Amino acid sequence: MICELKDIPVHYELFGEGRPIVMLHGWGIDHRHMLSTMEPLFEKRHGWKRIYFDLPGHGKTPAKDWVTNQDGILDVVLDFIDAVIPGQRFVVAGASAGAYLARGVVHHRMESMDGLLLEVPLISAYTARRHVPAPVTLLADPVLVSTLSPDDAEGYFPFAVVQSQKVADFVHTNYTAAGKAGDQAFQAKIREHDEDYALSFDVDVLPKPFPAPTLIVTGRQDSICGYRDAWEILENYPRATFAVLDRSGHFVETEQEDLFHALAGEWLDRVNEYAGILR
């Protein structure tokens, strides 16, 4: 599906009916990552309208010259939400850099939101300010690694804490293949300078604490975004569950799939409860 915003045709996919939940993928990939991560939660769960879309310059949504930084991307996210679910209350789930943008949505649309999921969240867009553990592989499979394509073996798979076929397939589909679908020159231009990759305002200084049910899931061995920095924003979310999962890094949703699904499912239940009380 296409949502025309200004001069940007935003590509998205929509599943189900009910409470809207907007999915924000990470940097350099596309909506397929959130689709594979979140859609299993709704196989036996009804009453949710799941909205997966490609950010500007990612997947099938083109980049435009006027989008020169993260502020421009957030503007597109907000305009997309206003266009696709106008006047409706909604929930947001974001992963990695998508979780950074999700907090930007909280900053601007808090009063319309019923819940927030932050998965392996990027807290600081400034690389030097992040507190991350050193890369480590807890379960190695050198035979598997020897069968991978160069793109996989030298790309994101080295960040895997668990080297398994399931993780390799997840990385190939959602990172290697997805990364080739976007405008890599656009992504690199913004990512090259931290001041462009960061929002121009402090996304974690809120006018008041976010009152809705929240879930923050981090990987104990996540060497990309870490887990320590996410703890520092916890007081913004008095209804938050905060989880640090061992045996997982930036691919927590597949390295600890059962735990992630249990936590995310319980969060969806809390959101339903909260939204029901509001109504």
C-alpha atoms as a PDB file:
ATOM      1  CA  MET A   1       0.000   0.000   0.000  1.00  0.00           C
ATOM      2  CA  ILE A   2       1.059   3.604  -0.578  1.00  0.00           C
ATOM      3  CA  CYS A   3       0.389   6.665   1.586  1.00  0.00           C
ATOM      4  CA  GLU A   4       1.106   9.901  -0.295  1.00  0.00           C
ATOM      5  CA  LEU A   5       2.739  12.453   2.009  1.00  0.00           C
ATOM      6  CA  LYS A   6       3.873  15.721   0.458  1.00  0.00           C
ATOM      7  CA  ASP A   7       6.119  14.365  -2.301  1.00  0.00           C
ATOM      8  CA  ILE A   8       6.955  11.062  -0.554  1.00  0.00           C
ATOM      9  CA  PRO A   9       4.993   7.908  -1.394  1.00  0.00           C
ATOM     10  CA  VAL A  10       5.357   5.933   1.846  1.00  0.00           C
ATOM     11  CA  HIS A  11       5.158   2.163   1.391  1.00  0.00           C
ATOM     12  CA  TYR A  12       3.363   0.223   4.115  1.00  0.00           C
ATOM     13  CA  GLU A  13       1.582  -3.016   4.892  1.00  0.00           C
ATOM     14  CA  LEU A  14      -1.487  -3.335   7.077  1.00  0.00           C
ATOM     15  CA  PHE A  15      -2.860  -6.406   8.824  1.00  0.00           C
ATOM     16  CA  GLY A  16      -5.945  -6.922  10.980  1.00  0.00           C
ATOM     17  CA  GLU A  17      -8.512  -4.592  12.479  1.00  0.00           C
ATOM     18  CA  GLY A  18      -8.804  -2.940  15.871  1.00  0.00           C
ATOM     19  CA  ARG A  19      -6.384  -0.968  18.007  1.00  0.00           C
ATOM     20  CA  PRO A  20      -3.690   0.573  15.767  1.00  0.00           C
ATOM     21  CA  ILE A  21      -0.083  -0.358  16.490  1.00  0.00           C
ATOM     22  CA  VAL A  22       2.576   1.416  14.428  1.00  0.00           C
ATOM     23  CA  MET A  23       5.852  -0.475  13.875  1.00  0.00           C
ATOM     24  CA  LEU A  24       9.132   1.424  13.421  1.00  0.00           C
ATOM     25  CA  HIS A  25      12.087  -0.515  12.036  1.00  0.00           C
ATOM     26  CA  GLY A  26      15.754   0.202  12.610  1.00  0.00           C
ATOM     27  CA  TRP A  27      18.319   2.001  10.493  1.00  0.00           C
ATOM     28  CA  GLY A  28      19.501   0.531   7.199  1.00  0.00           C
ATOM     29  CA  ILE A  29      16.769  -2.124   6.997  1.00  0.00           C
ATOM     30  CA  ASP A  30      13.018  -2.008   6.273  1.00  0.00           C
ATOM     31  CA  HIS A  31       9.567  -2.954   7.553  1.00  0.00           C
ATOM     32  CA  ARG A  32      10.225  -6.674   7.067  1.00  0.00           C
ATOM     33  CA  HIS A  33      12.273  -6.715  10.265  1.00  0.00           C
ATOM     34  CA  MET A  34       9.337  -5.606  12.417  1.00  0.00           C
ATOM     35  CA  LEU A  35       6.986  -7.820  10.422  1.00  0.00           C
ATOM     36  CA  SER A  36       8.987 -10.951  11.227  1.00  0.00           C
ATOM     37  CA  THR A  37       9.528  -9.847  14.832  1.00  0.00           C
ATOM     38  CA  MET A  38       5.993  -8.830  15.753  1.00  0.00           C
ATOM     39  CA  GLU A  39       3.579 -10.686  13.518  1.00  0.00           C
ATOM     40  CA  PRO A  40       3.959 -14.055  15.341  1.00  0.00           C
ATOM     41  CA  LEU A  41       2.436 -12.364  18.398  1.00  0.00           C
ATOM     42  CA  PHE A  42      -0.848 -11.910  16.543  1.00  0.00           C
ATOM     43  CA  GLU A  43      -1.376 -15.435  15.222  1.00  0.00           C
ATOM     44  CA  LYS A  44      -3.861 -16.093  18.035  1.00  0.00           C
ATOM     45  CA  ARG A  45      -4.413 -12.524  19.161  1.00  0.00           C
ATOM     46  CA  HIS A  46      -7.168 -10.432  17.581  1.00  0.00           C
ATOM     47  CA  GLY A  47      -8.339  -6.829  17.775  1.00  0.00           C
ATOM     48  CA  TRP A  48      -5.115  -5.184  16.572  1.00  0.00           C
ATOM     49  CA  LYS A  49      -4.454  -3.232  13.385  1.00  0.00           C
ATOM     50  CA  ARG A  50      -0.754  -3.714  12.657  1.00  0.00           C
ATOM     51  CA  ILE A  51       0.876  -1.021  10.531  1.00  0.00           C
ATOM     52  CA  TYR A  52       4.342  -1.729   9.138  1.00  0.00           C
ATOM     53  CA  PHE A  53       5.988   0.898   6.944  1.00  0.00           C
ATOM     54  CA  ASP A  54       9.313   1.795   5.373  1.00  0.00           C
ATOM     55  CA  LEU A  55      11.015   4.937   6.613  1.00  0.00           C
ATOM     56  CA  PRO A  56      12.262   7.453   4.018  1.00  0.00           C
ATOM     57  CA  GLY A  57      15.214   6.051   2.080  1.00  0.00           C
ATOM     58  CA  HIS A  58      14.507   2.542   3.367  1.00  0.00           C
ATOM     59  CA  GLY A  59      12.808  -0.366   1.647  1.00  0.00           C
ATOM     60  CA  LYS A  60      10.368   0.892  -0.985  1.00  0.00           C
ATOM     61  CA  THR A  61       9.925   4.425   0.429  1.00  0.00           C
ATOM     62  CA  PRO A  62      12.159   6.806  -1.514  1.00  0.00           C
ATOM     63  CA  ALA A  63      14.393   9.459  -0.035  1.00  0.00           C
ATOM     64  CA  LYS A  64      13.835  13.135  -0.827  1.00  0.00           C
ATOM     65  CA  ASP A  65      16.310  16.011  -0.845  1.00  0.00           C
ATOM     66  CA  TRP A  66      14.438  17.888   1.890  1.00  0.00           C
ATOM     67  CA  VAL A  67      14.893  14.985   4.320  1.00  0.00           C
ATOM     68  CA  THR A  68      18.419  15.745   5.454  1.00  0.00           C
ATOM     69  CA  ASN A  69      18.416  14.540   9.047  1.00  0.00           C
ATOM     70  CA  GLN A  70      16.532  12.586  11.701  1.00  0.00           C
ATOM     71  CA  ASP A  71      14.177  15.515  12.298  1.00  0.00           C
ATOM     72  CA  GLY A  72      12.961  15.188   8.722  1.00  0.00           C
ATOM     73  CA  ILE A  73      12.434  11.460   9.160  1.00  0.00           C
ATOM     74  CA  LEU A  74      10.450  12.007  12.370  1.00  0.00           C
ATOM     75  CA  ASP A  75       8.295  14.576  10.555  1.00  0.00           C
ATOM     76  CA  VAL A  76       7.448  11.896   7.991  1.00  0.00           C
ATOM     77  CA  VAL A  77       6.634   9.399  10.753  1.00  0.00           C
ATOM     78  CA  LEU A  78       4.274  11.849  12.453  1.00  0.00           C
ATOM     79  CA  ASP A  79       2.616  12.838   9.165  1.00  0.00           C
ATOM     80  CA  PHE A  80       2.194   9.168   8.262  1.00  0.00           C
ATOM     81  CA  ILE A  81       0.479   8.407  11.580  1.00  0.00           C
ATOM     82  CA  ASP A  82      -1.811  11.415  11.187  1.00  0.00           C
ATOM     83  CA  ALA A  83      -2.723  10.358   7.636  1.00  0.00           C
ATOM     84  CA  VAL A  84      -3.252   6.610   8.145  1.00  0.00           C
ATOM     85  CA  ILE A  85      -5.049   6.692  11.519  1.00  0.00           C
ATOM     86  CA  PRO A  86      -6.327  10.287  11.802  1.00  0.00           C
ATOM     87  CA  GLY A  87      -7.665  11.231  15.217  1.00  0.00           C
ATOM     88  CA  GLN A  88      -7.247   7.707  16.623  1.00  0.00           C
ATOM     89  CA  ARG A  89      -5.443   6.546  19.730  1.00  0.00           C
ATOM     90  CA  PHE A  90      -2.569   4.229  18.921  1.00  0.00           C
ATOM     91  CA  VAL A  91       0.403   2.202  20.153  1.00  0.00           C
ATOM     92  CA  VAL A  92       4.003   2.312  18.902  1.00  0.00           C
ATOM     93  CA  ALA A  93       6.634  -0.423  18.752  1.00  0.00           C
ATOM     94  CA  GLY A  94      10.162   0.473  17.690  1.00  0.00           C
ATOM     95  CA  ALA A  95      13.431  -1.402  17.405  1.00  0.00           C
ATOM     96  CA  SER A  96      16.957   0.026  17.611  1.00  0.00           C
ATOM     97  CA  ALA A  97      16.908   3.388  15.781  1.00  0.00           C
ATOM     98  CA  GLY A  98      13.170   2.843  15.372  1.00  0.00           C
ATOM     99  CA  ALA A  99      12.929   2.942  19.175  1.00  0.00           C
ATOM    100  CA  TYR A 100      14.693   6.318  19.089  1.00  0.00           C
ATOM    101  CA  LEU A 101      12.061   7.600  16.652  1.00  0.00           C
ATOM    102  CA  ALA A 102       9.326   5.985  18.769  1.00  0.00           C
ATOM    103  CA  ARG A 103      10.406   8.161  21.690  1.00  0.00           C
ATOM    104  CA  GLY A 104      10.176  11.130  19.333  1.00  0.00           C
ATOM    105  CA  VAL A 105       6.569  10.136  18.695  1.00  0.00           C
ATOM    106  CA  VAL A 106       5.996  10.008  22.467  1.00  0.00           C
ATOM    107  CA  HIS A 107       7.431  13.509  22.719  1.00  0.00           C
ATOM    108  CA  HIS A 108       4.913  14.856  20.186  1.00  0.00           C
ATOM    109  CA  ARG A 109       1.879  12.556  20.507  1.00  0.00           C
ATOM    110  CA  MET A 110       1.902  11.325  24.116  1.00  0.00           C
ATOM    111  CA  GLU A 111      -1.736  12.204  24.754  1.00  0.00           C
ATOM    112  CA  SER A 112      -2.894   9.943  21.903  1.00  0.00           C
ATOM    113  CA  MET A 113      -0.834   6.888  22.828  1.00  0.00           C
ATOM    114  CA  ASP A 114      -1.886   3.761  24.743  1.00  0.00           C
ATOM    115  CA  GLY A 115       1.450   1.952  24.855  1.00  0.00           C
ATOM    116  CA  LEU A 116       5.107   1.794  23.835  1.00  0.00           C
ATOM    117  CA  LEU A 117       7.544  -1.033  23.060  1.00  0.00           C
ATOM    118  CA  LEU A 118      11.264  -0.272  22.873  1.00  0.00           C
ATOM    119  CA  GLU A 119      13.265  -3.234  21.567  1.00  0.00           C
ATOM    120  CA  VAL A 120      17.090  -3.042  21.812  1.00  0.00           C
ATOM    121  CA  PRO A 121      16.619   0.741  21.830  1.00  0.00           C
ATOM    122  CA  LEU A 122      19.124   3.234  20.509  1.00  0.00           C
ATOM    123  CA  ILE A 123      19.381   5.764  23.334  1.00  0.00           C
ATOM    124  CA  SER A 124      22.081   8.118  22.093  1.00  0.00           C
ATOM    125  CA  ALA A 125      22.560   8.806  18.399  1.00  0.00           C
ATOM    126  CA  TYR A 126      26.097   9.899  19.252  1.00  0.00           C
ATOM    127  CA  THR A 127      28.196   6.755  18.982  1.00  0.00           C
ATOM    128  CA  ALA A 128      30.899   7.915  21.396  1.00  0.00           C
ATOM    129  CA  ARG A 129      28.326   8.479  24.156  1.00  0.00           C
ATOM    130  CA  ARG A 130      27.024   4.905  24.178  1.00  0.00           C
ATOM    131  CA  HIS A 131      27.970   2.438  26.876  1.00  0.00           C
ATOM    132  CA  VAL A 132      28.146  -0.939  25.169  1.00  0.00           C
ATOM    133  CA  PRO A 133      29.828  -4.231  26.057  1.00  0.00           C
ATOM    134  CA  ALA A 134      32.563  -5.648  23.854  1.00  0.00           C
ATOM    135  CA  PRO A 135      31.344  -7.967  21.093  1.00  0.00           C
ATOM    136  CA  VAL A 136      31.146 -11.599  22.192  1.00  0.00           C
ATOM    137  CA  THR A 137      29.891 -14.866  20.738  1.00  0.00           C
ATOM    138  CA  LEU A 138      28.620 -17.208  23.427  1.00  0.00           C
ATOM    139  CA  LEU A 139      27.598 -20.052  21.125  1.00  0.00           C
ATOM    140  CA  ALA A 140      29.885 -20.346  18.100  1.00  0.00           C
ATOM    141  CA  ASP A 141      29.302 -22.485  15.012  1.00  0.00           C
ATOM    142  CA  PRO A 142      32.346 -22.212  12.723  1.00  0.00           C
ATOM    143  CA  VAL A 143      30.896 -24.779  10.308  1.00  0.00           C
ATOM    144  CA  LEU A 144      27.805 -22.611   9.833  1.00  0.00           C
ATOM    145  CA  VAL A 145      29.917 -19.488   9.391  1.00  0.00           C
ATOM    146  CA  SER A 146      31.914 -21.220   6.649  1.00  0.00           C
ATOM    147  CA  THR A 147      28.714 -21.715   4.624  1.00  0.00           C
ATOM    148  CA  LEU A 148      27.554 -18.082   4.751  1.00  0.00           C
ATOM    149  CA  SER A 149      27.819 -15.670   1.854  1.00  0.00           C
ATOM    150  CA  PRO A 150      30.447 -12.930   2.204  1.00  0.00           C
ATOM    151  CA  ASP A 151      27.675 -10.341   2.683  1.00  0.00           C
ATOM    152  CA  ASP A 152      26.302 -12.263   5.662  1.00  0.00           C
ATOM    153  CA  ALA A 153      29.612 -13.424   7.117  1.00  0.00           C
ATOM    154  CA  GLU A 154      31.162  -9.960   7.010  1.00  0.00           C
ATOM    155  CA  GLY A 155      28.027  -7.881   7.591  1.00  0.00           C
ATOM    156  CA  TYR A 156      25.704  -8.156  10.565  1.00  0.00           C
ATOM    157  CA  PHE A 157      26.227 -11.815  11.477  1.00  0.00           C
ATOM    158  CA  PRO A 158      29.464 -11.071  13.407  1.00  0.00           C
ATOM    159  CA  PHE A 159      27.223  -9.267  15.929  1.00  0.00           C
ATOM    160  CA  ALA A 160      25.362 -12.499  16.650  1.00  0.00           C
ATOM    161  CA  VAL A 161      25.759 -13.718  20.216  1.00  0.00           C
ATOM    162  CA  VAL A 162      24.284 -17.078  19.183  1.00  0.00           C
ATOM    163  CA  GLN A 163      25.495 -18.533  15.898  1.00  0.00           C
ATOM    164  CA  SER A 164      22.638 -20.755  14.733  1.00  0.00           C
ATOM    165  CA  GLN A 165      20.879 -21.373  11.444  1.00  0.00           C
ATOM    166  CA  LYS A 166      17.787 -19.575  12.766  1.00  0.00           C
ATOM    167  CA  VAL A 167      19.798 -16.473  13.599  1.00  0.00           C
ATOM    168  CA  ALA A 168      21.649 -16.647  10.268  1.00  0.00           C
ATOM    169  CA  ASP A 169      18.360 -16.822   8.357  1.00  0.00           C
ATOM    170  CA  PHE A 170      16.939 -13.940  10.408  1.00  0.00           C
ATOM    171  CA  VAL A 171      19.992 -11.763   9.746  1.00  0.00           C
ATOM    172  CA  HIS A 172      20.051 -12.589   6.035  1.00  0.00           C
ATOM    173  CA  THR A 173      16.351 -11.803   5.506  1.00  0.00           C
ATOM    174  CA  ASN A 174      16.004  -8.797   7.747  1.00  0.00           C
ATOM    175  CA  TYR A 175      19.415  -7.155   7.510  1.00  0.00           C
ATOM    176  CA  THR A 176      21.467  -8.258   4.515  1.00  0.00           C
ATOM    177  CA  ALA A 177      18.620  -8.467   1.990  1.00  0.00           C
ATOM    178  CA  ALA A 178      16.633  -5.591   3.491  1.00  0.00           C
ATOM    179  CA  GLY A 179      19.658  -3.316   3.523  1.00  0.00           C
ATOM    180  CA  LYS A 180      20.041  -3.682  -0.232  1.00  0.00           C
ATOM    181  CA  ALA A 181      16.450  -2.533  -0.780  1.00  0.00           C
ATOM    182  CA  GLY A 182      16.929   1.033   0.473  1.00  0.00           C
ATOM    183  CA  ASP A 183      18.775   4.138  -0.664  1.00  0.00           C
ATOM    184  CA  GLN A 184      22.172   3.402   0.811  1.00  0.00           C
ATOM    185  CA  ALA A 185      23.667   6.739  -0.252  1.00  0.00           C
ATOM    186  CA  PHE A 186      20.885   8.580   1.604  1.00  0.00           C
ATOM    187  CA  GLN A 187      21.332   6.411   4.699  1.00  0.00           C
ATOM    188  CA  ALA A 188      25.105   6.867   4.700  1.00  0.00           C
ATOM    189  CA  LYS A 189      24.850  10.644   4.306  1.00  0.00           C
ATOM    190  CA  ILE A 190      22.694  11.000   7.430  1.00  0.00           C
ATOM    191  CA  ARG A 191      24.514   8.324   9.415  1.00  0.00           C
ATOM    192  CA  GLU A 192      27.922   9.830   8.634  1.00  0.00           C
ATOM    193  CA  HIS A 193      27.403  12.775  10.997  1.00  0.00           C
ATOM    194  CA  ASP A 194      26.032  12.212  14.490  1.00  0.00           C
ATOM    195  CA  GLU A 195      24.399  15.640  14.517  1.00  0.00           C
ATOM    196  CA  ASP A 196      22.270  14.612  11.505  1.00  0.00           C
ATOM    197  CA  TYR A 197      21.539  11.153  12.901  1.00  0.00           C
ATOM    198  CA  ALA A 198      20.398  12.698  16.196  1.00  0.00           C
ATOM    199  CA  LEU A 199      17.164  14.588  16.673  1.00  0.00           C
ATOM    200  CA  SER A 200      17.665  18.300  17.283  1.00  0.00           C
ATOM    201  CA  PHE A 201      15.898  18.058  20.670  1.00  0.00           C
ATOM    202  CA  ASP A 202      16.519  15.773  23.637  1.00  0.00           C
ATOM    203  CA  VAL A 203      14.014  13.029  22.967  1.00  0.00           C
ATOM    204  CA  ASP A 204      14.260  11.808  26.566  1.00  0.00           C
ATOM    205  CA  VAL A 205      13.282  15.094  28.202  1.00  0.00           C
ATOM    206  CA  LEU A 206       9.508  14.737  28.371  1.00  0.00           C
ATOM    207  CA  PRO A 207       6.986  17.310  29.601  1.00  0.00           C
ATOM    208  CA  LYS A 208       5.721  14.624  31.991  1.00  0.00           C
ATOM    209  CA  PRO A 209       6.196  10.869  32.500  1.00  0.00           C
ATOM    210  CA  PHE A 210       4.577   8.664  29.867  1.00  0.00           C
ATOM    211  CA  PRO A 211       1.578   7.071  31.613  1.00  0.00           C
ATOM    212  CA  ALA A 212       0.851   4.111  29.344  1.00  0.00           C
ATOM    213  CA  PRO A 213       2.192   0.524  29.618  1.00  0.00           C
ATOM    214  CA  THR A 214       5.703   0.250  28.260  1.00  0.00           C
ATOM    215  CA  LEU A 215       8.138  -2.562  27.581  1.00  0.00           C
ATOM    216  CA  ILE A 216      11.888  -2.044  27.231  1.00  0.00           C
ATOM    217  CA  VAL A 217      13.780  -5.165  26.110  1.00  0.00           C
ATOM    218  CA  THR A 218      17.566  -5.154  25.846  1.00  0.00           C
ATOM    219  CA  GLY A 219      20.263  -7.750  25.191  1.00  0.00           C
ATOM    220  CA  ARG A 220      22.931  -8.237  27.851  1.00  0.00           C
ATOM    221  CA  GLN A 221      25.540  -8.788  25.137  1.00  0.00           C
ATOM    222  CA  ASP A 222      24.269  -6.106  22.718  1.00  0.00           C
ATOM    223  CA  SER A 223      27.447  -4.459  21.451  1.00  0.00           C
ATOM    224  CA  ILE A 224      25.561  -2.049  19.166  1.00  0.00           C
ATOM    225  CA  CYS A 225      23.145  -0.252  21.501  1.00  0.00           C
ATOM    226  CA  GLY A 226      23.946  -1.903  24.836  1.00  0.00           C
ATOM    227  CA  TYR A 227      21.599  -2.081  27.805  1.00  0.00           C
ATOM    228  CA  ARG A 228      22.985   0.338  30.416  1.00  0.00           C
ATOM    229  CA  ASP A 229      21.877   3.550  28.702  1.00  0.00           C
ATOM    230  CA  ALA A 230      18.271   2.354  28.447  1.00  0.00           C
ATOM    231  CA  TRP A 231      18.104   2.078  32.235  1.00  0.00           C
ATOM    232  CA  GLU A 232      18.753   5.823  32.462  1.00  0.00           C
ATOM    233  CA  ILE A 233      15.427   6.674  30.790  1.00  0.00           C
ATOM    234  CA  LEU A 234      13.318   4.303  32.911  1.00  0.00           C
ATOM    235  CA  GLU A 235      11.849   7.032  35.133  1.00  0.00           C
ATOM    236  CA  ASN A 236      10.171   8.506  32.048  1.00  0.00           C
ATOM    237  CA  TYR A 237       8.029   5.363  31.950  1.00  0.00           C
ATOM    238  CA  PRO A 238       6.433   4.569  35.340  1.00  0.00           C
ATOM    239  CA  ARG A 239       4.406   1.721  33.758  1.00  0.00           C
ATOM    240  CA  ALA A 240       7.470   0.082  32.193  1.00  0.00           C
ATOM    241  CA  THR A 241       8.790  -3.438  32.406  1.00  0.00           C
ATOM    242  CA  PHE A 242      12.553  -3.374  31.858  1.00  0.00           C
ATOM    243  CA  ALA A 243      14.285  -6.579  30.759  1.00  0.00           C
ATOM    244  CA  VAL A 244      17.951  -7.380  30.162  1.00  0.00           C
ATOM    245  CA  LEU A 245      18.166 -10.801  28.510  1.00  0.00           C
ATOM    246  CA  ASP A 246      21.313 -12.889  28.763  1.00  0.00           C
ATOM    247  CA  ARG A 247      22.447 -14.924  25.754  1.00  0.00           C
ATOM    248  CA  SER A 248      21.312 -12.200  23.395  1.00  0.00           C
ATOM    249  CA  GLY A 249      22.586  -9.109  21.669  1.00  0.00           C
ATOM    250  CA  HIS A 250      21.027  -6.868  19.051  1.00  0.00           C
ATOM    251  CA  PHE A 251      19.041  -9.835  17.698  1.00  0.00           C
ATOM    252  CA  VAL A 252      17.237 -10.445  20.981  1.00  0.00           C
ATOM    253  CA  GLU A 253      13.947 -11.252  19.243  1.00  0.00           C
ATOM    254  CA  THR A 254      15.428 -14.385  17.693  1.00  0.00           C
ATOM    255  CA  GLU A 255      18.279 -15.278  20.068  1.00  0.00           C
ATOM    256  CA  GLN A 256      15.784 -15.252  22.957  1.00  0.00           C
ATOM    257  CA  GLU A 257      12.621 -15.690  20.914  1.00  0.00           C
ATOM    258  CA  ASP A 258      10.452 -17.376  23.554  1.00  0.00           C
ATOM    259  CA  LEU A 259      11.304 -14.846  26.255  1.00  0.00           C
ATOM    260  CA  PHE A 260      10.773 -11.924  23.895  1.00  0.00           C
ATOM    261  CA  HIS A 261       7.372 -13.237  22.819  1.00  0.00           C
ATOM    262  CA  ALA A 262       6.335 -13.830  26.430  1.00  0.00           C
ATOM    263  CA  LEU A 263       7.300 -10.291  27.442  1.00  0.00           C
ATOM    264  CA  ALA A 264       5.758  -8.677  24.364  1.00  0.00           C
ATOM    265  CA  GLY A 265       2.545 -10.677  24.735  1.00  0.00           C
ATOM    266  CA  GLU A 266       2.192  -9.644  28.370  1.00  0.00           C
ATOM    267  CA  TRP A 267       2.804  -6.029  27.328  1.00  0.00           C
ATOM    268  CA  LEU A 268       0.015  -6.225  24.734  1.00  0.00           C
ATOM    269  CA  ASP A 269      -2.303  -7.514  27.483  1.00  0.00           C
ATOM    270  CA  ARG A 270      -1.371  -4.579  29.701  1.00  0.00           C
ATOM    271  CA  VAL A 271      -2.026  -2.149  26.851  1.00  0.00           C
ATOM    272  CA  ASN A 272      -5.486  -3.645  26.294  1.00  0.00           C
ATOM    273  CA  GLU A 273      -6.232  -3.346  30.001  1.00  0.00           C
ATOM    274  CA  TYR A 274      -5.033   0.269  30.135  1.00  0.00           C
ATOM    275  CA  ALA A 275      -6.939   1.298  27.012  1.00  0.00           C
ATOM    276  CA  GLY A 276     -10.076  -0.375  28.314  1.00  0.00           C
ATOM    277  CA  ILE A 277      -9.908   1.588  31.557  1.00  0.00           C
ATOM    278  CA  LEU A 278      -9.464   4.862  29.646  1.00  0.00           C
ATOM    279  CA  ARG A 279     -12.615   4.148  27.667  1.00  0.00           C
END
